[in-house]
Amino acid sequence: MIIPPNSPQQSGCCKRRALEKLMGVWFTKNLGDAMLAGEPLEQIKTLFLSAYERAGNPDEMALFYRHESEGHLHCEVKIYFTPASAFVAETVDAIPCNKPSPDSLDLLAGSETAWSVLLPE
């Protein structure tokens, strides 16, 4: 259950997270060079899985990632956090972004159902 954002039961940060979740805001974190991204990727995955289990493993909560080059010599690893993962995204200083294209996107953690729920074709 989501407590309405203007409810007196919510603190400032909780109100912001509730608003972001309701508005469908995705988040991204650039981990940089793919050759060096393994350790931070695993740390974020571990943090996510802990929050995911506490939340009851909801289908809307998932982490996706992609190797992106954007014209650079080396590709970078970018993680995408679903709106339901806003708390984890905030914890690792991810920034708001548009919903990613499913092209070349891989599921890092969460339910396989997340694909059909969040990124239907």
PDB file of N, CA and C in Angstrom:
ATOM      1  N   MET A   1       0.841  -1.184   0.000  1.00  0.00           N
ATOM      2  CA  MET A   1       0.000   0.000   0.000  1.00  0.00           C
ATOM      3  C   MET A   1       0.880   1.239   0.000  1.00  0.00           C
ATOM      4  N   ILE A   2       0.546   2.198  -0.840  1.00  0.00           N
ATOM      5  CA  ILE A   2       1.273   3.463  -0.886  1.00  0.00           C
ATOM      6  C   ILE A   2       0.467   4.494  -0.116  1.00  0.00           C
ATOM      7  N   ILE A   3       1.120   5.148   0.828  1.00  0.00           N
ATOM      8  CA  ILE A   3       0.482   6.233   1.554  1.00  0.00           C
ATOM      9  C   ILE A   3       0.522   7.443   0.639  1.00  0.00           C
ATOM     10  N   PRO A   4      -0.603   8.143   0.457  1.00  0.00           N
ATOM     11  CA  PRO A   4      -0.607   9.302  -0.438  1.00  0.00           C
ATOM     12  C   PRO A   4       0.493  10.293  -0.076  1.00  0.00           C
ATOM     13  N   PRO A   5       1.121  10.925  -1.088  1.00  0.00           N
ATOM     14  CA  PRO A   5       2.248  11.817  -0.865  1.00  0.00           C
ATOM     15  C   PRO A   5       1.967  12.974   0.086  1.00  0.00           C
ATOM     16  N   ASN A   6       0.753  13.456   0.140  1.00  0.00           N
ATOM     17  CA  ASN A   6       0.438  14.590   1.007  1.00  0.00           C
ATOM     18  C   ASN A   6      -0.040  14.167   2.381  1.00  0.00           C
ATOM     19  N   SER A   7       0.060  12.904   2.675  1.00  0.00           N
ATOM     20  CA  SER A   7      -0.396  12.376   3.957  1.00  0.00           C
ATOM     21  C   SER A   7       0.523  12.848   5.077  1.00  0.00           C
ATOM     22  N   PRO A   8      -0.052  13.168   6.239  1.00  0.00           N
ATOM     23  CA  PRO A   8       0.785  13.576   7.370  1.00  0.00           C
ATOM     24  C   PRO A   8       1.655  12.449   7.900  1.00  0.00           C
ATOM     25  N   GLN A   9       1.399  11.191   7.487  1.00  0.00           N
ATOM     26  CA  GLN A   9       2.190  10.053   7.958  1.00  0.00           C
ATOM     27  C   GLN A   9       3.534   9.945   7.264  1.00  0.00           C
ATOM     28  N   GLN A  10       3.771  10.752   6.236  1.00  0.00           N
ATOM     29  CA  GLN A  10       5.018  10.629   5.485  1.00  0.00           C
ATOM     30  C   GLN A  10       5.977  11.761   5.795  1.00  0.00           C
ATOM     31  N   SER A  11       7.267  11.416   5.896  1.00  0.00           N
ATOM     32  CA  SER A  11       8.311  12.425   6.064  1.00  0.00           C
ATOM     33  C   SER A  11       8.662  12.978   4.688  1.00  0.00           C
ATOM     34  N   GLY A  12       9.543  13.988   4.631  1.00  0.00           N
ATOM     35  CA  GLY A  12       9.923  14.623   3.362  1.00  0.00           C
ATOM     36  C   GLY A  12      10.498  13.664   2.347  1.00  0.00           C
ATOM     37  N   CYS A  13      11.484  12.831   2.759  1.00  0.00           N
ATOM     38  CA  CYS A  13      12.095  11.918   1.788  1.00  0.00           C
ATOM     39  C   CYS A  13      11.102  10.846   1.362  1.00  0.00           C
ATOM     40  N   CYS A  14      10.245  10.409   2.283  1.00  0.00           N
ATOM     41  CA  CYS A  14       9.253   9.394   1.925  1.00  0.00           C
ATOM     42  C   CYS A  14       8.227   9.957   0.953  1.00  0.00           C
ATOM     43  N   LYS A  15       7.867  11.217   1.135  1.00  0.00           N
ATOM     44  CA  LYS A  15       6.933  11.848   0.201  1.00  0.00           C
ATOM     45  C   LYS A  15       7.530  11.893  -1.197  1.00  0.00           C
ATOM     46  N   ARG A  16       8.825  12.260  -1.274  1.00  0.00           N
ATOM     47  CA  ARG A  16       9.474  12.339  -2.580  1.00  0.00           C
ATOM     48  C   ARG A  16       9.507  10.972  -3.250  1.00  0.00           C
ATOM     49  N   ARG A  17       9.867   9.928  -2.492  1.00  0.00           N
ATOM     50  CA  ARG A  17       9.932   8.579  -3.070  1.00  0.00           C
ATOM     51  C   ARG A  17       8.550   8.125  -3.531  1.00  0.00           C
ATOM     52  N   ALA A  18       7.518   8.424  -2.756  1.00  0.00           N
ATOM     53  CA  ALA A  18       6.168   8.037  -3.148  1.00  0.00           C
ATOM     54  C   ALA A  18       5.760   8.754  -4.428  1.00  0.00           C
ATOM     55  N   LEU A  19       6.086  10.036  -4.527  1.00  0.00           N
ATOM     56  CA  LEU A  19       5.774  10.785  -5.746  1.00  0.00           C
ATOM     57  C   LEU A  19       6.509  10.212  -6.946  1.00  0.00           C
ATOM     58  N   GLU A  20       7.793   9.903  -6.777  1.00  0.00           N
ATOM     59  CA  GLU A  20       8.574   9.344  -7.879  1.00  0.00           C
ATOM     60  C   GLU A  20       7.998   8.006  -8.326  1.00  0.00           C
ATOM     61  N   LYS A  21       7.612   7.181  -7.364  1.00  0.00           N
ATOM     62  CA  LYS A  21       7.050   5.875  -7.707  1.00  0.00           C
ATOM     63  C   LYS A  21       5.743   6.044  -8.462  1.00  0.00           C
ATOM     64  N   LEU A  22       4.913   6.956  -8.000  1.00  0.00           N
ATOM     65  CA  LEU A  22       3.633   7.182  -8.654  1.00  0.00           C
ATOM     66  C   LEU A  22       3.818   7.759 -10.055  1.00  0.00           C
ATOM     67  N   MET A  23       4.845   8.550 -10.261  1.00  0.00           N
ATOM     68  CA  MET A  23       5.057   9.191 -11.554  1.00  0.00           C
ATOM     69  C   MET A  23       5.832   8.309 -12.519  1.00  0.00           C
ATOM     70  N   GLY A  24       6.306   7.159 -12.078  1.00  0.00           N
ATOM     71  CA  GLY A  24       6.989   6.248 -12.978  1.00  0.00           C
ATOM     72  C   GLY A  24       8.403   6.650 -13.328  1.00  0.00           C
ATOM     73  N   VAL A  25       9.101   7.294 -12.423  1.00  0.00           N
ATOM     74  CA  VAL A  25      10.462   7.747 -12.692  1.00  0.00           C
ATOM     75  C   VAL A  25      11.442   6.580 -12.594  1.00  0.00           C
ATOM     76  N   TRP A  26      12.197   6.388 -13.646  1.00  0.00           N
ATOM     77  CA  TRP A  26      13.287   5.414 -13.657  1.00  0.00           C
ATOM     78  C   TRP A  26      14.558   6.131 -13.237  1.00  0.00           C
ATOM     79  N   PHE A  27      15.576   5.358 -12.867  1.00  0.00           N
ATOM     80  CA  PHE A  27      16.857   5.916 -12.446  1.00  0.00           C
ATOM     81  C   PHE A  27      17.984   5.160 -13.148  1.00  0.00           C
ATOM     82  N   THR A  28      19.109   5.824 -13.304  1.00  0.00           N
ATOM     83  CA  THR A  28      20.273   5.172 -13.896  1.00  0.00           C
ATOM     84  C   THR A  28      21.529   5.535 -13.116  1.00  0.00           C
ATOM     85  N   LYS A  29      22.479   4.636 -13.165  1.00  0.00           N
ATOM     86  CA  LYS A  29      23.797   4.853 -12.557  1.00  0.00           C
ATOM     87  C   LYS A  29      24.823   4.336 -13.548  1.00  0.00           C
ATOM     88  N   ASN A  30      25.740   5.198 -13.925  1.00  0.00           N
ATOM     89  CA  ASN A  30      26.817   4.823 -14.831  1.00  0.00           C
ATOM     90  C   ASN A  30      27.973   4.292 -13.982  1.00  0.00           C
ATOM     91  N   LEU A  31      28.329   3.034 -14.182  1.00  0.00           N
ATOM     92  CA  LEU A  31      29.427   2.434 -13.428  1.00  0.00           C
ATOM     93  C   LEU A  31      30.766   2.590 -14.127  1.00  0.00           C
ATOM     94  N   GLY A  32      30.762   3.227 -15.281  1.00  0.00           N
ATOM     95  CA  GLY A  32      32.011   3.483 -15.990  1.00  0.00           C
ATOM     96  C   GLY A  32      32.477   2.299 -16.815  1.00  0.00           C
ATOM     97  N   ASP A  33      33.770   2.246 -17.028  1.00  0.00           N
ATOM     98  CA  ASP A  33      34.411   1.230 -17.864  1.00  0.00           C
ATOM     99  C   ASP A  33      33.962  -0.176 -17.471  1.00  0.00           C
ATOM    100  N   ALA A  34      33.509  -0.923 -18.452  1.00  0.00           N
ATOM    101  CA  ALA A  34      33.014  -2.282 -18.203  1.00  0.00           C
ATOM    102  C   ALA A  34      34.072  -3.190 -17.581  1.00  0.00           C
ATOM    103  N   MET A  35      35.343  -2.924 -17.877  1.00  0.00           N
ATOM    104  CA  MET A  35      36.426  -3.745 -17.318  1.00  0.00           C
ATOM    105  C   MET A  35      36.554  -3.557 -15.803  1.00  0.00           C
ATOM    106  N   LEU A  36      36.059  -2.436 -15.282  1.00  0.00           N
ATOM    107  CA  LEU A  36      36.206  -2.123 -13.863  1.00  0.00           C
ATOM    108  C   LEU A  36      34.876  -2.123 -13.107  1.00  0.00           C
ATOM    109  N   ALA A  37      33.798  -2.455 -13.782  1.00  0.00           N
ATOM    110  CA  ALA A  37      32.471  -2.315 -13.192  1.00  0.00           C
ATOM    111  C   ALA A  37      32.000  -3.534 -12.399  1.00  0.00           C
ATOM    112  N   GLY A  38      32.718  -4.637 -12.452  1.00  0.00           N
ATOM    113  CA  GLY A  38      32.259  -5.873 -11.817  1.00  0.00           C
ATOM    114  C   GLY A  38      31.959  -5.757 -10.333  1.00  0.00           C
ATOM    115  N   GLU A  39      32.882  -5.181  -9.576  1.00  0.00           N
ATOM    116  CA  GLU A  39      32.694  -5.083  -8.126  1.00  0.00           C
ATOM    117  C   GLU A  39      31.539  -4.154  -7.746  1.00  0.00           C
ATOM    118  N   PRO A  40      31.477  -2.919  -8.296  1.00  0.00           N
ATOM    119  CA  PRO A  40      30.333  -2.070  -7.945  1.00  0.00           C
ATOM    120  C   PRO A  40      29.002  -2.670  -8.403  1.00  0.00           C
ATOM    121  N   LEU A  41      29.006  -3.372  -9.515  1.00  0.00           N
ATOM    122  CA  LEU A  41      27.797  -4.015 -10.016  1.00  0.00           C
ATOM    123  C   LEU A  41      27.294  -5.050  -9.004  1.00  0.00           C
ATOM    124  N   GLU A  42      28.197  -5.854  -8.479  1.00  0.00           N
ATOM    125  CA  GLU A  42      27.821  -6.867  -7.485  1.00  0.00           C
ATOM    126  C   GLU A  42      27.363  -6.230  -6.176  1.00  0.00           C
ATOM    127  N   GLN A  43      27.995  -5.136  -5.769  1.00  0.00           N
ATOM    128  CA  GLN A  43      27.602  -4.452  -4.541  1.00  0.00           C
ATOM    129  C   GLN A  43      26.178  -3.897  -4.658  1.00  0.00           C
ATOM    130  N   ILE A  44      25.872  -3.296  -5.791  1.00  0.00           N
ATOM    131  CA  ILE A  44      24.531  -2.747  -6.006  1.00  0.00           C
ATOM    132  C   ILE A  44      23.511  -3.877  -6.090  1.00  0.00           C
ATOM    133  N   LYS A  45      23.870  -4.965  -6.744  1.00  0.00           N
ATOM    134  CA  LYS A  45      22.974  -6.116  -6.836  1.00  0.00           C
ATOM    135  C   LYS A  45      22.661  -6.662  -5.445  1.00  0.00           C
ATOM    136  N   THR A  46      23.667  -6.780  -4.584  1.00  0.00           N
ATOM    137  CA  THR A  46      23.469  -7.276  -3.220  1.00  0.00           C
ATOM    138  C   THR A  46      22.548  -6.342  -2.431  1.00  0.00           C
ATOM    139  N   LEU A  47      22.779  -5.051  -2.554  1.00  0.00           N
ATOM    140  CA  LEU A  47      21.938  -4.063  -1.883  1.00  0.00           C
ATOM    141  C   LEU A  47      20.499  -4.176  -2.385  1.00  0.00           C
ATOM    142  N   PHE A  48      20.337  -4.283  -3.694  1.00  0.00           N
ATOM    143  CA  PHE A  48      19.010  -4.420  -4.284  1.00  0.00           C
ATOM    144  C   PHE A  48      18.306  -5.674  -3.784  1.00  0.00           C
ATOM    145  N   LEU A  49      18.999  -6.816  -3.806  1.00  0.00           N
ATOM    146  CA  LEU A  49      18.362  -8.078  -3.416  1.00  0.00           C
ATOM    147  C   LEU A  49      17.866  -8.046  -1.976  1.00  0.00           C
ATOM    148  N   SER A  50      18.586  -7.373  -1.117  1.00  0.00           N
ATOM    149  CA  SER A  50      18.152  -7.228   0.264  1.00  0.00           C
ATOM    150  C   SER A  50      16.839  -6.434   0.337  1.00  0.00           C
ATOM    151  N   ALA A  51      16.781  -5.318  -0.374  1.00  0.00           N
ATOM    152  CA  ALA A  51      15.569  -4.492  -0.404  1.00  0.00           C
ATOM    153  C   ALA A  51      14.424  -5.231  -1.098  1.00  0.00           C
ATOM    154  N   TYR A  52      14.742  -5.955  -2.142  1.00  0.00           N
ATOM    155  CA  TYR A  52      13.752  -6.715  -2.916  1.00  0.00           C
ATOM    156  C   TYR A  52      13.081  -7.774  -2.042  1.00  0.00           C
ATOM    157  N   GLU A  53      13.865  -8.489  -1.279  1.00  0.00           N
ATOM    158  CA  GLU A  53      13.314  -9.513  -0.384  1.00  0.00           C
ATOM    159  C   GLU A  53      12.458  -8.881   0.703  1.00  0.00           C
ATOM    160  N   ARG A  54      12.925  -7.774   1.289  1.00  0.00           N
ATOM    161  CA  ARG A  54      12.150  -7.082   2.333  1.00  0.00           C
ATOM    162  C   ARG A  54      10.813  -6.584   1.787  1.00  0.00           C
ATOM    163  N   ALA A  55      10.780  -6.222   0.502  1.00  0.00           N
ATOM    164  CA  ALA A  55       9.556  -5.717  -0.126  1.00  0.00           C
ATOM    165  C   ALA A  55       8.616  -6.840  -0.561  1.00  0.00           C
ATOM    166  N   GLY A  56       9.027  -8.084  -0.406  1.00  0.00           N
ATOM    167  CA  GLY A  56       8.175  -9.215  -0.795  1.00  0.00           C
ATOM    168  C   GLY A  56       8.319  -9.640  -2.235  1.00  0.00           C
ATOM    169  N   ASN A  57       9.464  -9.337  -2.863  1.00  0.00           N
ATOM    170  CA  ASN A  57       9.775  -9.743  -4.240  1.00  0.00           C
ATOM    171  C   ASN A  57       8.743  -9.272  -5.281  1.00  0.00           C
ATOM    172  N   PRO A  58       8.410  -7.980  -5.287  1.00  0.00           N
ATOM    173  CA  PRO A  58       7.401  -7.505  -6.254  1.00  0.00           C
ATOM    174  C   PRO A  58       7.909  -7.532  -7.690  1.00  0.00           C
ATOM    175  N   ASP A  59       7.015  -7.840  -8.616  1.00  0.00           N
ATOM    176  CA  ASP A  59       7.375  -7.900 -10.040  1.00  0.00           C
ATOM    177  C   ASP A  59       7.835  -6.547 -10.580  1.00  0.00           C
ATOM    178  N   GLU A  60       7.355  -5.450  -9.991  1.00  0.00           N
ATOM    179  CA  GLU A  60       7.682  -4.110 -10.485  1.00  0.00           C
ATOM    180  C   GLU A  60       9.069  -3.638 -10.041  1.00  0.00           C
ATOM    181  N   MET A  61       9.716  -4.412  -9.202  1.00  0.00           N
ATOM    182  CA  MET A  61      11.012  -4.009  -8.663  1.00  0.00           C
ATOM    183  C   MET A  61      12.096  -4.837  -9.341  1.00  0.00           C
ATOM    184  N   ALA A  62      12.938  -4.170 -10.132  1.00  0.00           N
ATOM    185  CA  ALA A  62      13.972  -4.897 -10.860  1.00  0.00           C
ATOM    186  C   ALA A  62      15.142  -3.977 -11.177  1.00  0.00           C
ATOM    187  N   LEU A  63      16.280  -4.606 -11.446  1.00  0.00           N
ATOM    188  CA  LEU A  63      17.472  -3.907 -11.903  1.00  0.00           C
ATOM    189  C   LEU A  63      17.822  -4.440 -13.280  1.00  0.00           C
ATOM    190  N   PHE A  64      18.051  -3.533 -14.206  1.00  0.00           N
ATOM    191  CA  PHE A  64      18.484  -3.900 -15.542  1.00  0.00           C
ATOM    192  C   PHE A  64      19.841  -3.255 -15.785  1.00  0.00           C
ATOM    193  N   TYR A  65      20.591  -3.794 -16.730  1.00  0.00           N
ATOM    194  CA  TYR A  65      21.868  -3.168 -17.081  1.00  0.00           C
ATOM    195  C   TYR A  65      22.140  -3.343 -18.566  1.00  0.00           C
ATOM    196  N   ARG A  66      23.059  -2.513 -19.034  1.00  0.00           N
ATOM    197  CA  ARG A  66      23.420  -2.564 -20.445  1.00  0.00           C
ATOM    198  C   ARG A  66      24.833  -2.029 -20.597  1.00  0.00           C
ATOM    199  N   HIS A  67      25.557  -2.582 -21.563  1.00  0.00           N
ATOM    200  CA  HIS A  67      26.860  -2.045 -21.953  1.00  0.00           C
ATOM    201  C   HIS A  67      26.588  -1.018 -23.059  1.00  0.00           C
ATOM    202  N   GLU A  68      27.031   0.214 -22.837  1.00  0.00           N
ATOM    203  CA  GLU A  68      26.783   1.292 -23.793  1.00  0.00           C
ATOM    204  C   GLU A  68      28.102   1.946 -24.167  1.00  0.00           C
ATOM    205  N   SER A  69      28.261   2.263 -25.460  1.00  0.00           N
ATOM    206  CA  SER A  69      29.516   2.877 -25.882  1.00  0.00           C
ATOM    207  C   SER A  69      29.398   4.379 -26.075  1.00  0.00           C
ATOM    208  N   GLU A  70      28.284   4.856 -26.560  1.00  0.00           N
ATOM    209  CA  GLU A  70      28.053   6.286 -26.772  1.00  0.00           C
ATOM    210  C   GLU A  70      29.227   6.968 -27.468  1.00  0.00           C
ATOM    211  N   GLY A  71      29.850   6.276 -28.406  1.00  0.00           N
ATOM    212  CA  GLY A  71      30.936   6.845 -29.180  1.00  0.00           C
ATOM    213  C   GLY A  71      32.298   6.837 -28.491  1.00  0.00           C
ATOM    214  N   HIS A  72      32.390   6.277 -27.306  1.00  0.00           N
ATOM    215  CA  HIS A  72      33.669   6.201 -26.592  1.00  0.00           C
ATOM    216  C   HIS A  72      34.451   4.980 -27.055  1.00  0.00           C
ATOM    217  N   LEU A  73      35.721   4.963 -26.756  1.00  0.00           N
ATOM    218  CA  LEU A  73      36.574   3.836 -27.110  1.00  0.00           C
ATOM    219  C   LEU A  73      36.140   2.577 -26.367  1.00  0.00           C
ATOM    220  N   HIS A  74      35.874   2.708 -25.066  1.00  0.00           N
ATOM    221  CA  HIS A  74      35.453   1.572 -24.244  1.00  0.00           C
ATOM    222  C   HIS A  74      33.986   1.722 -23.884  1.00  0.00           C
ATOM    223  N   CYS A  75      33.302   0.593 -23.743  1.00  0.00           N
ATOM    224  CA  CYS A  75      31.906   0.667 -23.339  1.00  0.00           C
ATOM    225  C   CYS A  75      31.824   0.855 -21.825  1.00  0.00           C
ATOM    226  N   GLU A  76      30.700   1.416 -21.416  1.00  0.00           N
ATOM    227  CA  GLU A  76      30.429   1.648 -20.010  1.00  0.00           C
ATOM    228  C   GLU A  76      29.233   0.810 -19.603  1.00  0.00           C
ATOM    229  N   VAL A  77      29.172   0.449 -18.332  1.00  0.00           N
ATOM    230  CA  VAL A  77      28.042  -0.300 -17.812  1.00  0.00           C
ATOM    231  C   VAL A  77      27.099   0.681 -17.137  1.00  0.00           C
ATOM    232  N   LYS A  78      25.844   0.639 -17.552  1.00  0.00           N
ATOM    233  CA  LYS A  78      24.820   1.474 -16.935  1.00  0.00           C
ATOM    234  C   LYS A  78      23.761   0.563 -16.331  1.00  0.00           C
ATOM    235  N   ILE A  79      23.385   0.886 -15.102  1.00  0.00           N
ATOM    236  CA  ILE A  79      22.323   0.160 -14.408  1.00  0.00           C
ATOM    237  C   ILE A  79      21.068   1.014 -14.467  1.00  0.00           C
ATOM    238  N   TYR A  80      19.936   0.370 -14.676  1.00  0.00           N
ATOM    239  CA  TYR A  80      18.645   1.047 -14.693  1.00  0.00           C
ATOM    240  C   TYR A  80      17.785   0.488 -13.568  1.00  0.00           C
ATOM    241  N   PHE A  81      17.272   1.396 -12.750  1.00  0.00           N
ATOM    242  CA  PHE A  81      16.435   1.049 -11.610  1.00  0.00           C
ATOM    243  C   PHE A  81      14.986   1.371 -11.955  1.00  0.00           C
ATOM    244  N   THR A  82      14.096   0.432 -11.735  1.00  0.00           N
ATOM    245  CA  THR A  82      12.680   0.668 -11.989  1.00  0.00           C
ATOM    246  C   THR A  82      12.130   1.653 -10.958  1.00  0.00           C
ATOM    247  N   PRO A  83      10.973   2.264 -11.237  1.00  0.00           N
ATOM    248  CA  PRO A  83      10.394   3.197 -10.269  1.00  0.00           C
ATOM    249  C   PRO A  83      10.208   2.580  -8.874  1.00  0.00           C
ATOM    250  N   ALA A  84       9.871   1.306  -8.813  1.00  0.00           N
ATOM    251  CA  ALA A  84       9.689   0.643  -7.516  1.00  0.00           C
ATOM    252  C   ALA A  84      11.011   0.423  -6.789  1.00  0.00           C
ATOM    253  N   SER A  85      12.115   0.651  -7.465  1.00  0.00           N
ATOM    254  CA  SER A  85      13.451   0.503  -6.872  1.00  0.00           C
ATOM    255  C   SER A  85      14.050   1.852  -6.491  1.00  0.00           C
ATOM    256  N   ALA A  86      13.206   2.878  -6.376  1.00  0.00           N
ATOM    257  CA  ALA A  86      13.675   4.242  -6.121  1.00  0.00           C
ATOM    258  C   ALA A  86      14.530   4.337  -4.860  1.00  0.00           C
ATOM    259  N   PHE A  87      14.172   3.614  -3.813  1.00  0.00           N
ATOM    260  CA  PHE A  87      14.939   3.693  -2.573  1.00  0.00           C
ATOM    261  C   PHE A  87      16.376   3.214  -2.779  1.00  0.00           C
ATOM    262  N   VAL A  88      16.536   2.111  -3.493  1.00  0.00           N
ATOM    263  CA  VAL A  88      17.879   1.591  -3.763  1.00  0.00           C
ATOM    264  C   VAL A  88      18.636   2.571  -4.662  1.00  0.00           C
ATOM    265  N   ALA A  89      17.957   3.100  -5.671  1.00  0.00           N
ATOM    266  CA  ALA A  89      18.579   4.065  -6.582  1.00  0.00           C
ATOM    267  C   ALA A  89      19.084   5.284  -5.815  1.00  0.00           C
ATOM    268  N   GLU A  90      18.271   5.763  -4.910  1.00  0.00           N
ATOM    269  CA  GLU A  90      18.653   6.928  -4.102  1.00  0.00           C
ATOM    270  C   GLU A  90      19.871   6.607  -3.233  1.00  0.00           C
ATOM    271  N   THR A  91      19.924   5.403  -2.707  1.00  0.00           N
ATOM    272  CA  THR A  91      21.026   4.981  -1.843  1.00  0.00           C
ATOM    273  C   THR A  91      22.367   5.006  -2.564  1.00  0.00           C
ATOM    274  N   VAL A  92      22.370   4.705  -3.863  1.00  0.00           N
ATOM    275  CA  VAL A  92      23.627   4.654  -4.628  1.00  0.00           C
ATOM    276  C   VAL A  92      23.824   5.886  -5.518  1.00  0.00           C
ATOM    277  N   ASP A  93      23.048   6.927  -5.248  1.00  0.00           N
ATOM    278  CA  ASP A  93      23.157   8.193  -5.977  1.00  0.00           C
ATOM    279  C   ASP A  93      22.888   8.071  -7.472  1.00  0.00           C
ATOM    280  N   ALA A  94      21.933   7.209  -7.829  1.00  0.00           N
ATOM    281  CA  ALA A  94      21.509   7.122  -9.228  1.00  0.00           C
ATOM    282  C   ALA A  94      20.694   8.380  -9.556  1.00  0.00           C
ATOM    283  N   ILE A  95      20.636   8.704 -10.821  1.00  0.00           N
ATOM    284  CA  ILE A  95      19.920   9.904 -11.252  1.00  0.00           C
ATOM    285  C   ILE A  95      18.668   9.528 -12.040  1.00  0.00           C
ATOM    286  N   PRO A  96      17.643  10.382 -12.000  1.00  0.00           N
ATOM    287  CA  PRO A  96      16.426  10.104 -12.772  1.00  0.00           C
ATOM    288  C   PRO A  96      16.738  10.053 -14.266  1.00  0.00           C
ATOM    289  N   CYS A  97      15.984   9.206 -14.963  1.00  0.00           N
ATOM    290  CA  CYS A  97      16.154   9.079 -16.411  1.00  0.00           C
ATOM    291  C   CYS A  97      14.836   8.644 -17.030  1.00  0.00           C
ATOM    292  N   ASN A  98      14.792   8.643 -18.338  1.00  0.00           N
ATOM    293  CA  ASN A  98      13.639   8.101 -19.047  1.00  0.00           C
ATOM    294  C   ASN A  98      13.662   6.584 -18.964  1.00  0.00           C
ATOM    295  N   LYS A  99      12.523   5.980 -19.197  1.00  0.00           N
ATOM    296  CA  LYS A  99      12.467   4.522 -19.259  1.00  0.00           C
ATOM    297  C   LYS A  99      13.406   4.065 -20.366  1.00  0.00           C
ATOM    298  N   PRO A 100      14.300   3.105 -20.072  1.00  0.00           N
ATOM    299  CA  PRO A 100      15.250   2.666 -21.098  1.00  0.00           C
ATOM    300  C   PRO A 100      14.578   1.843 -22.191  1.00  0.00           C
ATOM    301  N   SER A 101      15.175   1.866 -23.345  1.00  0.00           N
ATOM    302  CA  SER A 101      14.749   0.994 -24.431  1.00  0.00           C
ATOM    303  C   SER A 101      15.142  -0.438 -24.049  1.00  0.00           C
ATOM    304  N   PRO A 102      14.313  -1.415 -24.344  1.00  0.00           N
ATOM    305  CA  PRO A 102      14.666  -2.796 -23.999  1.00  0.00           C
ATOM    306  C   PRO A 102      15.789  -3.390 -24.859  1.00  0.00           C
ATOM    307  N   ASP A 103      16.189  -2.687 -25.925  1.00  0.00           N
ATOM    308  CA  ASP A 103      17.248  -3.181 -26.801  1.00  0.00           C
ATOM    309  C   ASP A 103      18.551  -3.368 -26.031  1.00  0.00           C
ATOM    310  N   SER A 104      19.106  -4.560 -26.096  1.00  0.00           N
ATOM    311  CA  SER A 104      20.384  -4.913 -25.451  1.00  0.00           C
ATOM    312  C   SER A 104      20.375  -4.783 -23.933  1.00  0.00           C
ATOM    313  N   LEU A 105      19.198  -4.677 -23.348  1.00  0.00           N
ATOM    314  CA  LEU A 105      19.071  -4.572 -21.897  1.00  0.00           C
ATOM    315  C   LEU A 105      19.033  -5.975 -21.307  1.00  0.00           C
ATOM    316  N   ASP A 106      19.674  -6.167 -20.171  1.00  0.00           N
ATOM    317  CA  ASP A 106      19.666  -7.454 -19.484  1.00  0.00           C
ATOM    318  C   ASP A 106      19.146  -7.264 -18.068  1.00  0.00           C
ATOM    319  N   LEU A 107      18.455  -8.275 -17.559  1.00  0.00           N
ATOM    320  CA  LEU A 107      17.970  -8.257 -16.188  1.00  0.00           C
ATOM    321  C   LEU A 107      19.121  -8.636 -15.268  1.00  0.00           C
ATOM    322  N   LEU A 108      19.439  -7.761 -14.315  1.00  0.00           N
ATOM    323  CA  LEU A 108      20.490  -8.033 -13.341  1.00  0.00           C
ATOM    324  C   LEU A 108      19.904  -8.715 -12.108  1.00  0.00           C
ATOM    325  N   ALA A 109      18.747  -8.238 -11.657  1.00  0.00           N
ATOM    326  CA  ALA A 109      18.116  -8.809 -10.472  1.00  0.00           C
ATOM    327  C   ALA A 109      16.637  -8.450 -10.474  1.00  0.00           C
ATOM    328  N   GLY A 110      15.848  -9.333  -9.885  1.00  0.00           N
ATOM    329  CA  GLY A 110      14.405  -9.148  -9.855  1.00  0.00           C
ATOM    330  C   GLY A 110      13.736 -10.280 -10.609  1.00  0.00           C
ATOM    331  N   SER A 111      12.443 -10.202 -10.704  1.00  0.00           N
ATOM    332  CA  SER A 111      11.656 -11.244 -11.348  1.00  0.00           C
ATOM    333  C   SER A 111      11.729 -11.163 -12.872  1.00  0.00           C
ATOM    334  N   GLU A 112      11.748 -12.315 -13.520  1.00  0.00           N
ATOM    335  CA  GLU A 112      11.680 -12.355 -14.991  1.00  0.00           C
ATOM    336  C   GLU A 112      10.388 -11.707 -15.488  1.00  0.00           C
ATOM    337  N   THR A 113       9.365 -11.698 -14.644  1.00  0.00           N
ATOM    338  CA  THR A 113       8.082 -11.084 -14.994  1.00  0.00           C
ATOM    339  C   THR A 113       8.227  -9.583 -15.180  1.00  0.00           C
ATOM    340  N   ALA A 114       9.285  -9.008 -14.640  1.00  0.00           N
ATOM    341  CA  ALA A 114       9.513  -7.568 -14.770  1.00  0.00           C
ATOM    342  C   ALA A 114       9.532  -7.140 -16.235  1.00  0.00           C
ATOM    343  N   TRP A 115      10.036  -8.012 -17.098  1.00  0.00           N
ATOM    344  CA  TRP A 115      10.081  -7.681 -18.529  1.00  0.00           C
ATOM    345  C   TRP A 115       8.685  -7.341 -19.049  1.00  0.00           C
ATOM    346  N   SER A 116       7.725  -8.222 -18.813  1.00  0.00           N
ATOM    347  CA  SER A 116       6.381  -8.011 -19.354  1.00  0.00           C
ATOM    348  C   SER A 116       5.623  -6.921 -18.609  1.00  0.00           C
ATOM    349  N   VAL A 117       5.925  -6.736 -17.331  1.00  0.00           N
ATOM    350  CA  VAL A 117       5.249  -5.730 -16.525  1.00  0.00           C
ATOM    351  C   VAL A 117       5.777  -4.324 -16.853  1.00  0.00           C
ATOM    352  N   LEU A 118       7.095  -4.200 -16.976  1.00  0.00           N
ATOM    353  CA  LEU A 118       7.713  -2.882 -17.104  1.00  0.00           C
ATOM    354  C   LEU A 118       8.170  -2.499 -18.498  1.00  0.00           C
ATOM    355  N   LEU A 119       8.511  -3.486 -19.297  1.00  0.00           N
ATOM    356  CA  LEU A 119       9.033  -3.209 -20.636  1.00  0.00           C
ATOM    357  C   LEU A 119       8.323  -4.072 -21.690  1.00  0.00           C
ATOM    358  N   PRO A 120       6.998  -3.947 -21.754  1.00  0.00           N
ATOM    359  CA  PRO A 120       6.281  -4.777 -22.725  1.00  0.00           C
ATOM    360  C   PRO A 120       6.643  -4.368 -24.158  1.00  0.00           C
ATOM    361  N   GLU A 121       6.644  -5.336 -25.031  1.00  0.00           N
ATOM    362  CA  GLU A 121       6.994  -5.043 -26.429  1.00  0.00           C
ATOM    363  C   GLU A 121       5.800  -4.590 -27.209  1.00  0.00           C
TER     364      GLU A 121
END
